[in-house]
Amino acid sequence: MTSSTPAREDSPRAGDLAGSRQGRYHVLTRYDRRILILMVGVPLLLDVALIWWPTLSSVLLSFTNWDGVGPVTAQNFIGLKNYQFMFTGYTLFWPAFLHNVIWLAWLAFIATPLGMFFAVLLDRDLRGSRLYQSVFFLPVVLSLVIVGFIWELQFSPTEGFINNAFGLVKSGNIIDWLGNPRINLFAILVAASWRHVGYIMVIYLAGLKSVDPTLREAAKVDGANEIQTFFRVIFPVMAPINVVIAVITAIEALRAFDIAFIINQGKNGLELLSILITNNSISEASLVGFGSAIAVVLLLISLGPIIVFLSRVMRTQS
């Protein structure tokens, strides 16, 4: 004789258990999934529309002679003629390329080390370090157009501060800093460095603040001076920040445009690749296809530091 025990009211049923097992795999509700799709889909569409589509379009247009008017047809495709003319017949390309190289070398070996040096000095908790940081960082918040206007006034032949400060106006030995094609590029580089130094200083100073202070104490115990401590201990530890700064410096040099264009539309010794793209694509020449070819070359050059940065990041995370 068997007796059946009544089921407890709080005991789970088989249907409830099956439902709970299935429900475990549906953490997000339908509303949550819609929000997630919007949060991922909208930025992805914007990225494709504003970055990838213009980039791919520039690559395709670089093989055409399209002038920006009307649709692109099969008759507009001319193969590699734009690249052939750019490398062999366009007299402004190689001077502009050289100017970009000079710009990169100046920032890499003068402006960037100077910003790092200021960061090291301010990391020593000097009196008034907050004031110094504000003074050096102030040009960073200004647009490059404003920086160009400011230094155009400073380099003015007769009314500018520089010629008057050195007494060149009174002596009659006036230097045309921006009109002389032999020196105007370096004058513009001084203006660009005024902004770049503060930018690098802030980034590097933030990295120095995150360094473990026990490393410096250990180096001091071992008898290392400040210079040895920096180059043998601090600088290797700052390797991720150093890579970021190197990439930023390369990108700043390759995308240089605003200051040179404000001075004299990037002519008479201030030719840059970005300015050649603008002058050929959206000027009266309307050589959109040829300007796109220059843009593709600049894109390929810019991919170098970007690939180095991404490979460094992936290597660190792996």
C-alpha atoms as a PDB file:
ATOM      1  CA  MET A   1       0.000   0.000   0.000  1.00  0.00           C
ATOM      2  CA  THR A   2       1.519   3.242  -1.065  1.00  0.00           C
ATOM      3  CA  SER A   3       0.619   6.614   0.183  1.00  0.00           C
ATOM      4  CA  SER A   4       1.143   9.675  -1.924  1.00  0.00           C
ATOM      5  CA  THR A   5       2.571  12.635  -0.130  1.00  0.00           C
ATOM      6  CA  PRO A   6       0.950  15.906  -1.041  1.00  0.00           C
ATOM      7  CA  ALA A   7       3.090  18.242  -3.028  1.00  0.00           C
ATOM      8  CA  ARG A   8       4.291  21.325  -1.227  1.00  0.00           C
ATOM      9  CA  GLU A   9       2.977  24.579  -2.507  1.00  0.00           C
ATOM     10  CA  ASP A  10       6.445  26.110  -2.640  1.00  0.00           C
ATOM     11  CA  SER A  11       8.046  23.237  -4.544  1.00  0.00           C
ATOM     12  CA  PRO A  12       9.013  24.023  -8.182  1.00  0.00           C
ATOM     13  CA  ARG A  13       7.105  22.371 -10.956  1.00  0.00           C
ATOM     14  CA  ALA A  14       8.605  20.769 -14.024  1.00  0.00           C
ATOM     15  CA  GLY A  15       7.232  23.468 -16.278  1.00  0.00           C
ATOM     16  CA  ASP A  16       8.690  26.164 -14.069  1.00  0.00           C
ATOM     17  CA  LEU A  17      12.105  24.494 -14.122  1.00  0.00           C
ATOM     18  CA  ALA A  18      12.056  24.231 -17.903  1.00  0.00           C
ATOM     19  CA  GLY A  19      11.017  27.832 -18.182  1.00  0.00           C
ATOM     20  CA  SER A  20      13.749  28.917 -15.817  1.00  0.00           C
ATOM     21  CA  ARG A  21      16.338  26.965 -17.801  1.00  0.00           C
ATOM     22  CA  GLN A  22      15.230  28.635 -21.015  1.00  0.00           C
ATOM     23  CA  GLY A  23      14.976  32.026 -19.382  1.00  0.00           C
ATOM     24  CA  ARG A  24      18.583  31.956 -18.317  1.00  0.00           C
ATOM     25  CA  TYR A  25      19.681  32.448 -21.917  1.00  0.00           C
ATOM     26  CA  HIS A  26      17.551  35.513 -22.494  1.00  0.00           C
ATOM     27  CA  VAL A  27      19.093  38.069 -20.205  1.00  0.00           C
ATOM     28  CA  LEU A  28      18.185  41.011 -22.421  1.00  0.00           C
ATOM     29  CA  THR A  29      14.595  41.934 -23.064  1.00  0.00           C
ATOM     30  CA  ARG A  30      13.323  42.853 -26.494  1.00  0.00           C
ATOM     31  CA  TYR A  31      13.586  46.533 -25.572  1.00  0.00           C
ATOM     32  CA  ASP A  32      17.186  46.063 -24.401  1.00  0.00           C
ATOM     33  CA  ARG A  33      18.098  44.360 -27.666  1.00  0.00           C
ATOM     34  CA  ARG A  34      16.626  47.228 -29.663  1.00  0.00           C
ATOM     35  CA  ILE A  35      18.611  49.738 -27.638  1.00  0.00           C
ATOM     36  CA  LEU A  36      21.781  47.681 -28.119  1.00  0.00           C
ATOM     37  CA  ILE A  37      21.214  47.527 -31.879  1.00  0.00           C
ATOM     38  CA  LEU A  38      20.768  51.294 -31.987  1.00  0.00           C
ATOM     39  CA  MET A  39      23.867  51.918 -29.852  1.00  0.00           C
ATOM     40  CA  VAL A  40      25.994  49.707 -32.091  1.00  0.00           C
ATOM     41  CA  GLY A  41      24.284  50.255 -35.430  1.00  0.00           C
ATOM     42  CA  VAL A  42      24.091  54.055 -35.471  1.00  0.00           C
ATOM     43  CA  PRO A  43      27.825  54.623 -34.712  1.00  0.00           C
ATOM     44  CA  LEU A  44      28.702  51.914 -37.232  1.00  0.00           C
ATOM     45  CA  LEU A  45      26.605  53.580 -39.934  1.00  0.00           C
ATOM     46  CA  LEU A  46      28.156  56.965 -39.146  1.00  0.00           C
ATOM     47  CA  ASP A  47      31.642  55.433 -39.283  1.00  0.00           C
ATOM     48  CA  VAL A  48      30.919  53.852 -42.667  1.00  0.00           C
ATOM     49  CA  ALA A  49      29.246  56.988 -44.049  1.00  0.00           C
ATOM     50  CA  LEU A  50      31.772  59.550 -42.792  1.00  0.00           C
ATOM     51  CA  ILE A  51      35.059  57.611 -42.873  1.00  0.00           C
ATOM     52  CA  TRP A  52      35.058  54.409 -44.897  1.00  0.00           C
ATOM     53  CA  TRP A  53      32.842  55.545 -47.751  1.00  0.00           C
ATOM     54  CA  PRO A  54      34.815  58.782 -48.419  1.00  0.00           C
ATOM     55  CA  THR A  55      38.068  56.827 -48.143  1.00  0.00           C
ATOM     56  CA  LEU A  56      37.025  54.169 -50.629  1.00  0.00           C
ATOM     57  CA  SER A  57      35.541  56.842 -52.886  1.00  0.00           C
ATOM     58  CA  SER A  58      38.855  58.714 -52.901  1.00  0.00           C
ATOM     59  CA  VAL A  59      40.687  55.544 -53.861  1.00  0.00           C
ATOM     60  CA  LEU A  60      38.308  54.935 -56.768  1.00  0.00           C
ATOM     61  CA  LEU A  61      38.342  58.578 -57.885  1.00  0.00           C
ATOM     62  CA  SER A  62      42.150  58.569 -57.921  1.00  0.00           C
ATOM     63  CA  PHE A  63      41.945  56.416 -61.070  1.00  0.00           C
ATOM     64  CA  THR A  64      39.738  58.931 -62.881  1.00  0.00           C
ATOM     65  CA  ASN A  65      39.938  62.418 -64.366  1.00  0.00           C
ATOM     66  CA  TRP A  66      36.626  63.438 -62.803  1.00  0.00           C
ATOM     67  CA  ASP A  67      36.247  67.199 -62.358  1.00  0.00           C
ATOM     68  CA  GLY A  68      33.474  67.088 -59.764  1.00  0.00           C
ATOM     69  CA  VAL A  69      30.683  67.852 -62.233  1.00  0.00           C
ATOM     70  CA  GLY A  70      28.193  65.190 -63.266  1.00  0.00           C
ATOM     71  CA  PRO A  71      28.369  61.455 -62.658  1.00  0.00           C
ATOM     72  CA  VAL A  72      31.467  59.320 -62.909  1.00  0.00           C
ATOM     73  CA  THR A  73      31.335  57.262 -66.097  1.00  0.00           C
ATOM     74  CA  ALA A  74      33.565  54.658 -67.697  1.00  0.00           C
ATOM     75  CA  GLN A  75      35.124  57.383 -69.846  1.00  0.00           C
ATOM     76  CA  ASN A  76      36.499  59.058 -66.726  1.00  0.00           C
ATOM     77  CA  PHE A  77      38.707  56.116 -65.769  1.00  0.00           C
ATOM     78  CA  ILE A  78      42.296  56.700 -66.824  1.00  0.00           C
ATOM     79  CA  GLY A  79      44.129  54.054 -64.810  1.00  0.00           C
ATOM     80  CA  LEU A  80      47.415  55.074 -63.169  1.00  0.00           C
ATOM     81  CA  LYS A  81      47.930  58.274 -65.157  1.00  0.00           C
ATOM     82  CA  ASN A  82      47.256  60.477 -62.119  1.00  0.00           C
ATOM     83  CA  TYR A  83      49.954  58.696 -60.120  1.00  0.00           C
ATOM     84  CA  GLN A  84      52.349  58.745 -63.048  1.00  0.00           C
ATOM     85  CA  PHE A  85      51.913  62.481 -63.519  1.00  0.00           C
ATOM     86  CA  MET A  86      52.127  63.119 -59.777  1.00  0.00           C
ATOM     87  CA  PHE A  87      55.479  61.372 -59.371  1.00  0.00           C
ATOM     88  CA  THR A  88      57.098  62.478 -62.631  1.00  0.00           C
ATOM     89  CA  GLY A  89      55.432  65.612 -64.001  1.00  0.00           C
ATOM     90  CA  TYR A  90      53.860  67.500 -61.090  1.00  0.00           C
ATOM     91  CA  THR A  91      56.606  69.858 -59.948  1.00  0.00           C
ATOM     92  CA  LEU A  92      54.946  70.722 -56.615  1.00  0.00           C
ATOM     93  CA  PHE A  93      54.627  67.170 -55.295  1.00  0.00           C
ATOM     94  CA  TRP A  94      58.201  66.427 -54.240  1.00  0.00           C
ATOM     95  CA  PRO A  95      58.777  69.861 -52.612  1.00  0.00           C
ATOM     96  CA  ALA A  96      55.541  69.362 -50.663  1.00  0.00           C
ATOM     97  CA  PHE A  97      56.619  65.847 -49.696  1.00  0.00           C
ATOM     98  CA  LEU A  98      59.982  67.203 -48.523  1.00  0.00           C
ATOM     99  CA  HIS A  99      58.248  69.905 -46.485  1.00  0.00           C
ATOM    100  CA  ASN A 100      56.142  67.255 -44.734  1.00  0.00           C
ATOM    101  CA  VAL A 101      59.315  65.298 -43.968  1.00  0.00           C
ATOM    102  CA  ILE A 102      60.953  68.436 -42.554  1.00  0.00           C
ATOM    103  CA  TRP A 103      57.793  69.111 -40.535  1.00  0.00           C
ATOM    104  CA  LEU A 104      57.922  65.583 -39.118  1.00  0.00           C
ATOM    105  CA  ALA A 105      61.639  65.798 -38.310  1.00  0.00           C
ATOM    106  CA  TRP A 106      61.194  69.161 -36.578  1.00  0.00           C
ATOM    107  CA  LEU A 107      58.356  67.937 -34.391  1.00  0.00           C
ATOM    108  CA  ALA A 108      60.033  64.599 -33.667  1.00  0.00           C
ATOM    109  CA  PHE A 109      63.501  65.885 -32.755  1.00  0.00           C
ATOM    110  CA  ILE A 110      62.822  69.392 -31.438  1.00  0.00           C
ATOM    111  CA  ALA A 111      59.230  70.088 -30.381  1.00  0.00           C
ATOM    112  CA  THR A 112      58.347  66.685 -28.905  1.00  0.00           C
ATOM    113  CA  PRO A 113      61.565  66.291 -26.846  1.00  0.00           C
ATOM    114  CA  LEU A 114      61.069  69.861 -25.612  1.00  0.00           C
ATOM    115  CA  GLY A 115      57.552  69.033 -24.441  1.00  0.00           C
ATOM    116  CA  MET A 116      58.835  65.904 -22.698  1.00  0.00           C
ATOM    117  CA  PHE A 117      61.580  67.950 -21.039  1.00  0.00           C
ATOM    118  CA  PHE A 118      59.054  70.442 -19.685  1.00  0.00           C
ATOM    119  CA  ALA A 119      56.966  67.541 -18.386  1.00  0.00           C
ATOM    120  CA  VAL A 120      59.957  66.103 -16.522  1.00  0.00           C
ATOM    121  CA  LEU A 121      60.676  69.507 -14.953  1.00  0.00           C
ATOM    122  CA  LEU A 122      57.074  70.016 -13.869  1.00  0.00           C
ATOM    123  CA  ASP A 123      56.957  66.494 -12.447  1.00  0.00           C
ATOM    124  CA  ARG A 124      59.468  67.586  -9.809  1.00  0.00           C
ATOM    125  CA  ASP A 125      56.729  69.594  -8.011  1.00  0.00           C
ATOM    126  CA  LEU A 126      58.259  73.002  -8.630  1.00  0.00           C
ATOM    127  CA  ARG A 127      56.689  76.045  -7.045  1.00  0.00           C
ATOM    128  CA  GLY A 128      54.036  77.415  -9.367  1.00  0.00           C
ATOM    129  CA  SER A 129      53.923  74.224 -11.450  1.00  0.00           C
ATOM    130  CA  ARG A 130      50.166  74.643 -11.930  1.00  0.00           C
ATOM    131  CA  LEU A 131      50.730  78.079 -13.386  1.00  0.00           C
ATOM    132  CA  TYR A 132      53.424  76.783 -15.720  1.00  0.00           C
ATOM    133  CA  GLN A 133      51.158  73.975 -16.880  1.00  0.00           C
ATOM    134  CA  SER A 134      48.405  76.471 -17.671  1.00  0.00           C
ATOM    135  CA  VAL A 135      50.790  78.740 -19.575  1.00  0.00           C
ATOM    136  CA  PHE A 136      52.221  75.930 -21.703  1.00  0.00           C
ATOM    137  CA  PHE A 137      48.841  74.300 -22.258  1.00  0.00           C
ATOM    138  CA  LEU A 138      47.025  77.512 -23.219  1.00  0.00           C
ATOM    139  CA  PRO A 139      48.013  77.347 -26.937  1.00  0.00           C
ATOM    140  CA  VAL A 140      46.569  73.828 -27.143  1.00  0.00           C
ATOM    141  CA  VAL A 141      43.019  75.059 -26.559  1.00  0.00           C
ATOM    142  CA  LEU A 142      43.395  77.503 -29.453  1.00  0.00           C
ATOM    143  CA  SER A 143      42.579  76.385 -32.974  1.00  0.00           C
ATOM    144  CA  LEU A 144      45.421  76.263 -35.471  1.00  0.00           C
ATOM    145  CA  VAL A 145      43.725  79.042 -37.418  1.00  0.00           C
ATOM    146  CA  ILE A 146      43.968  81.362 -34.398  1.00  0.00           C
ATOM    147  CA  VAL A 147      47.570  80.265 -33.846  1.00  0.00           C
ATOM    148  CA  GLY A 148      48.318  81.158 -37.452  1.00  0.00           C
ATOM    149  CA  PHE A 149      46.820  84.628 -37.069  1.00  0.00           C
ATOM    150  CA  ILE A 150      48.754  85.240 -33.835  1.00  0.00           C
ATOM    151  CA  TRP A 151      52.100  84.312 -35.320  1.00  0.00           C
ATOM    152  CA  GLU A 152      51.390  86.146 -38.544  1.00  0.00           C
ATOM    153  CA  LEU A 153      51.249  89.290 -36.418  1.00  0.00           C
ATOM    154  CA  GLN A 154      54.436  88.330 -34.576  1.00  0.00           C
ATOM    155  CA  PHE A 155      56.330  87.759 -37.838  1.00  0.00           C
ATOM    156  CA  SER A 156      55.102  90.950 -39.511  1.00  0.00           C
ATOM    157  CA  PRO A 157      58.119  92.696 -41.143  1.00  0.00           C
ATOM    158  CA  THR A 158      57.596  96.189 -39.709  1.00  0.00           C
ATOM    159  CA  GLU A 159      54.878  95.872 -37.064  1.00  0.00           C
ATOM    160  CA  GLY A 160      55.740  92.450 -35.716  1.00  0.00           C
ATOM    161  CA  PHE A 161      57.169  91.840 -32.264  1.00  0.00           C
ATOM    162  CA  ILE A 162      60.159  89.775 -33.408  1.00  0.00           C
ATOM    163  CA  ASN A 163      61.764  92.263 -35.786  1.00  0.00           C
ATOM    164  CA  ASN A 164      61.145  95.105 -33.336  1.00  0.00           C
ATOM    165  CA  ALA A 165      62.450  93.136 -30.355  1.00  0.00           C
ATOM    166  CA  PHE A 166      65.742  92.427 -32.124  1.00  0.00           C
ATOM    167  CA  GLY A 167      66.028  96.008 -33.385  1.00  0.00           C
ATOM    168  CA  LEU A 168      65.864  94.960 -37.028  1.00  0.00           C
ATOM    169  CA  VAL A 169      63.319  97.628 -37.898  1.00  0.00           C
ATOM    170  CA  LYS A 170      65.461 100.484 -36.556  1.00  0.00           C
ATOM    171  CA  SER A 171      68.600  99.171 -38.205  1.00  0.00           C
ATOM    172  CA  GLY A 172      66.839  98.672 -41.521  1.00  0.00           C
ATOM    173  CA  ASN A 173      67.760  94.979 -41.675  1.00  0.00           C
ATOM    174  CA  ILE A 174      64.159  93.811 -41.801  1.00  0.00           C
ATOM    175  CA  ILE A 175      63.622  90.077 -42.235  1.00  0.00           C
ATOM    176  CA  ASP A 176      60.534  88.959 -44.114  1.00  0.00           C
ATOM    177  CA  TRP A 177      59.951  85.821 -42.068  1.00  0.00           C
ATOM    178  CA  LEU A 178      56.862  84.689 -43.944  1.00  0.00           C
ATOM    179  CA  GLY A 179      57.634  86.010 -47.414  1.00  0.00           C
ATOM    180  CA  ASN A 180      61.105  84.526 -47.836  1.00  0.00           C
ATOM    181  CA  PRO A 181      60.702  80.939 -49.133  1.00  0.00           C
ATOM    182  CA  ARG A 182      64.049  79.973 -47.610  1.00  0.00           C
ATOM    183  CA  ILE A 183      62.990  80.630 -44.021  1.00  0.00           C
ATOM    184  CA  ASN A 184      59.198  80.852 -43.927  1.00  0.00           C
ATOM    185  CA  LEU A 185      58.781  77.089 -43.402  1.00  0.00           C
ATOM    186  CA  PHE A 186      60.934  77.202 -40.268  1.00  0.00           C
ATOM    187  CA  ALA A 187      59.082  80.285 -39.037  1.00  0.00           C
ATOM    188  CA  ILE A 188      55.822  78.358 -39.367  1.00  0.00           C
ATOM    189  CA  LEU A 189      57.373  75.394 -37.585  1.00  0.00           C
ATOM    190  CA  VAL A 190      58.119  77.652 -34.616  1.00  0.00           C
ATOM    191  CA  ALA A 191      54.441  78.606 -34.536  1.00  0.00           C
ATOM    192  CA  ALA A 192      53.351  74.964 -34.798  1.00  0.00           C
ATOM    193  CA  SER A 193      55.776  73.987 -32.033  1.00  0.00           C
ATOM    194  CA  TRP A 194      54.287  76.631 -29.736  1.00  0.00           C
ATOM    195  CA  ARG A 195      51.110  74.557 -29.701  1.00  0.00           C
ATOM    196  CA  HIS A 196      52.639  71.086 -30.034  1.00  0.00           C
ATOM    197  CA  VAL A 197      54.998  71.440 -27.063  1.00  0.00           C
ATOM    198  CA  GLY A 198      52.154  72.084 -24.628  1.00  0.00           C
ATOM    199  CA  TYR A 199      50.159  69.166 -25.994  1.00  0.00           C
ATOM    200  CA  ILE A 200      53.025  66.701 -25.567  1.00  0.00           C
ATOM    201  CA  MET A 201      53.860  68.142 -22.138  1.00  0.00           C
ATOM    202  CA  VAL A 202      50.385  67.443 -20.746  1.00  0.00           C
ATOM    203  CA  ILE A 203      50.285  63.881 -22.121  1.00  0.00           C
ATOM    204  CA  TYR A 204      53.753  63.006 -20.868  1.00  0.00           C
ATOM    205  CA  LEU A 205      53.200  64.639 -17.501  1.00  0.00           C
ATOM    206  CA  ALA A 206      50.091  62.505 -16.972  1.00  0.00           C
ATOM    207  CA  GLY A 207      52.192  59.424 -17.735  1.00  0.00           C
ATOM    208  CA  LEU A 208      54.943  60.468 -15.334  1.00  0.00           C
ATOM    209  CA  LYS A 209      52.424  60.870 -12.522  1.00  0.00           C
ATOM    210  CA  SER A 210      51.424  57.220 -12.939  1.00  0.00           C
ATOM    211  CA  VAL A 211      54.969  55.852 -12.581  1.00  0.00           C
ATOM    212  CA  ASP A 212      55.553  53.895  -9.366  1.00  0.00           C
ATOM    213  CA  PRO A 213      57.658  56.139  -7.060  1.00  0.00           C
ATOM    214  CA  THR A 214      59.453  53.096  -5.632  1.00  0.00           C
ATOM    215  CA  LEU A 215      61.285  52.738  -8.949  1.00  0.00           C
ATOM    216  CA  ARG A 216      62.928  56.116  -8.481  1.00  0.00           C
ATOM    217  CA  GLU A 217      63.757  55.331  -4.879  1.00  0.00           C
ATOM    218  CA  ALA A 218      65.374  52.033  -5.881  1.00  0.00           C
ATOM    219  CA  ALA A 219      67.419  53.762  -8.587  1.00  0.00           C
ATOM    220  CA  LYS A 220      68.497  56.415  -6.098  1.00  0.00           C
ATOM    221  CA  VAL A 221      69.606  53.738  -3.645  1.00  0.00           C
ATOM    222  CA  ASP A 222      71.655  52.112  -6.420  1.00  0.00           C
ATOM    223  CA  GLY A 223      73.473  55.418  -6.906  1.00  0.00           C
ATOM    224  CA  ALA A 224      71.877  56.569 -10.169  1.00  0.00           C
ATOM    225  CA  ASN A 225      71.571  60.293 -10.770  1.00  0.00           C
ATOM    226  CA  GLU A 226      68.448  61.928 -12.205  1.00  0.00           C
ATOM    227  CA  ILE A 227      69.534  61.617 -15.829  1.00  0.00           C
ATOM    228  CA  GLN A 228      70.425  57.940 -15.437  1.00  0.00           C
ATOM    229  CA  THR A 229      67.177  57.293 -13.573  1.00  0.00           C
ATOM    230  CA  PHE A 230      65.123  58.824 -16.354  1.00  0.00           C
ATOM    231  CA  PHE A 231      66.772  57.097 -19.328  1.00  0.00           C
ATOM    232  CA  ARG A 232      67.354  53.699 -17.674  1.00  0.00           C
ATOM    233  CA  VAL A 233      64.263  53.396 -15.487  1.00  0.00           C
ATOM    234  CA  ILE A 234      61.506  55.926 -16.206  1.00  0.00           C
ATOM    235  CA  PHE A 235      61.777  56.092 -20.000  1.00  0.00           C
ATOM    236  CA  PRO A 236      61.513  52.291 -20.510  1.00  0.00           C
ATOM    237  CA  VAL A 237      58.541  52.135 -18.133  1.00  0.00           C
ATOM    238  CA  MET A 238      56.867  54.889 -20.156  1.00  0.00           C
ATOM    239  CA  ALA A 239      57.034  52.807 -23.351  1.00  0.00           C
ATOM    240  CA  PRO A 240      53.236  52.819 -23.987  1.00  0.00           C
ATOM    241  CA  ILE A 241      53.099  56.604 -23.583  1.00  0.00           C
ATOM    242  CA  ASN A 242      56.176  56.965 -25.787  1.00  0.00           C
ATOM    243  CA  VAL A 243      54.433  55.034 -28.589  1.00  0.00           C
ATOM    244  CA  VAL A 244      51.317  57.208 -28.277  1.00  0.00           C
ATOM    245  CA  ILE A 245      53.422  60.379 -28.438  1.00  0.00           C
ATOM    246  CA  ALA A 246      55.319  59.096 -31.473  1.00  0.00           C
ATOM    247  CA  VAL A 247      52.053  58.358 -33.287  1.00  0.00           C
ATOM    248  CA  ILE A 248      50.590  61.751 -32.337  1.00  0.00           C
ATOM    249  CA  THR A 249      53.724  63.499 -33.580  1.00  0.00           C
ATOM    250  CA  ALA A 250      53.625  61.679 -36.911  1.00  0.00           C
ATOM    251  CA  ILE A 251      49.935  62.403 -37.425  1.00  0.00           C
ATOM    252  CA  GLU A 252      50.359  66.072 -36.494  1.00  0.00           C
ATOM    253  CA  ALA A 253      53.135  66.412 -39.061  1.00  0.00           C
ATOM    254  CA  LEU A 254      51.247  64.626 -41.840  1.00  0.00           C
ATOM    255  CA  ARG A 255      47.958  66.468 -41.345  1.00  0.00           C
ATOM    256  CA  ALA A 256      49.588  69.908 -41.126  1.00  0.00           C
ATOM    257  CA  PHE A 257      47.477  72.368 -43.055  1.00  0.00           C
ATOM    258  CA  ASP A 258      45.848  75.225 -41.133  1.00  0.00           C
ATOM    259  CA  ILE A 259      48.817  77.423 -40.252  1.00  0.00           C
ATOM    260  CA  ALA A 260      50.495  77.201 -43.652  1.00  0.00           C
ATOM    261  CA  PHE A 261      47.232  77.852 -45.481  1.00  0.00           C
ATOM    262  CA  ILE A 262      46.392  80.882 -43.316  1.00  0.00           C
ATOM    263  CA  ILE A 263      49.757  82.521 -44.030  1.00  0.00           C
ATOM    264  CA  ASN A 264      49.813  82.476 -47.831  1.00  0.00           C
ATOM    265  CA  GLN A 265      47.527  79.643 -48.969  1.00  0.00           C
ATOM    266  CA  GLY A 266      50.448  77.242 -48.743  1.00  0.00           C
ATOM    267  CA  LYS A 267      52.495  78.779 -51.536  1.00  0.00           C
ATOM    268  CA  ASN A 268      55.960  80.305 -51.940  1.00  0.00           C
ATOM    269  CA  GLY A 269      57.831  77.726 -49.874  1.00  0.00           C
ATOM    270  CA  LEU A 270      54.976  76.438 -47.688  1.00  0.00           C
ATOM    271  CA  GLU A 271      53.651  73.699 -49.970  1.00  0.00           C
ATOM    272  CA  LEU A 272      52.341  70.651 -48.107  1.00  0.00           C
ATOM    273  CA  LEU A 273      50.608  67.503 -49.325  1.00  0.00           C
ATOM    274  CA  SER A 274      47.354  68.442 -47.594  1.00  0.00           C
ATOM    275  CA  ILE A 275      47.398  71.841 -49.284  1.00  0.00           C
ATOM    276  CA  LEU A 276      48.000  70.262 -52.701  1.00  0.00           C
ATOM    277  CA  ILE A 277      44.945  68.077 -52.121  1.00  0.00           C
ATOM    278  CA  THR A 278      42.838  71.143 -51.336  1.00  0.00           C
ATOM    279  CA  ASN A 279      44.164  73.239 -54.206  1.00  0.00           C
ATOM    280  CA  ASN A 280      43.521  70.514 -56.774  1.00  0.00           C
ATOM    281  CA  SER A 281      40.217  69.170 -55.478  1.00  0.00           C
ATOM    282  CA  ILE A 282      38.107  72.153 -54.430  1.00  0.00           C
ATOM    283  CA  SER A 283      39.754  75.062 -56.200  1.00  0.00           C
ATOM    284  CA  GLU A 284      39.074  76.446 -59.666  1.00  0.00           C
ATOM    285  CA  ALA A 285      41.152  73.632 -61.147  1.00  0.00           C
ATOM    286  CA  SER A 286      38.492  71.053 -60.126  1.00  0.00           C
ATOM    287  CA  LEU A 287      40.946  68.170 -60.538  1.00  0.00           C
ATOM    288  CA  VAL A 288      39.110  65.923 -58.122  1.00  0.00           C
ATOM    289  CA  GLY A 289      40.624  62.748 -59.498  1.00  0.00           C
ATOM    290  CA  PHE A 290      44.182  64.065 -59.296  1.00  0.00           C
ATOM    291  CA  GLY A 291      43.600  65.504 -55.812  1.00  0.00           C
ATOM    292  CA  SER A 292      42.236  62.123 -54.728  1.00  0.00           C
ATOM    293  CA  ALA A 293      45.447  60.471 -55.941  1.00  0.00           C
ATOM    294  CA  ILE A 294      47.497  62.780 -53.705  1.00  0.00           C
ATOM    295  CA  ALA A 295      45.098  62.004 -50.848  1.00  0.00           C
ATOM    296  CA  VAL A 296      45.634  58.274 -51.336  1.00  0.00           C
ATOM    297  CA  VAL A 297      49.407  58.721 -51.164  1.00  0.00           C
ATOM    298  CA  LEU A 298      49.036  60.735 -47.957  1.00  0.00           C
ATOM    299  CA  LEU A 299      46.714  58.042 -46.581  1.00  0.00           C
ATOM    300  CA  LEU A 300      49.253  55.313 -47.279  1.00  0.00           C
ATOM    301  CA  ILE A 301      51.966  57.323 -45.552  1.00  0.00           C
ATOM    302  CA  SER A 302      49.684  57.944 -42.558  1.00  0.00           C
ATOM    303  CA  LEU A 303      48.922  54.234 -42.190  1.00  0.00           C
ATOM    304  CA  GLY A 304      52.520  53.627 -41.089  1.00  0.00           C
ATOM    305  CA  PRO A 305      52.314  55.132 -37.587  1.00  0.00           C
ATOM    306  CA  ILE A 306      48.741  53.894 -37.166  1.00  0.00           C
ATOM    307  CA  ILE A 307      49.770  50.293 -37.873  1.00  0.00           C
ATOM    308  CA  VAL A 308      52.706  50.618 -35.470  1.00  0.00           C
ATOM    309  CA  PHE A 309      50.384  51.909 -32.760  1.00  0.00           C
ATOM    310  CA  LEU A 310      47.765  49.189 -33.261  1.00  0.00           C
ATOM    311  CA  SER A 311      50.360  46.419 -33.355  1.00  0.00           C
ATOM    312  CA  ARG A 312      51.837  47.752 -30.139  1.00  0.00           C
ATOM    313  CA  VAL A 313      48.456  47.842 -28.429  1.00  0.00           C
ATOM    314  CA  MET A 314      47.525  44.327 -29.577  1.00  0.00           C
ATOM    315  CA  ARG A 315      50.883  42.984 -28.476  1.00  0.00           C
ATOM    316  CA  THR A 316      50.381  44.494 -25.021  1.00  0.00           C
ATOM    317  CA  GLN A 317      46.876  43.067 -24.640  1.00  0.00           C
ATOM    318  CA  SER A 318      47.831  39.558 -25.824  1.00  0.00           C
END
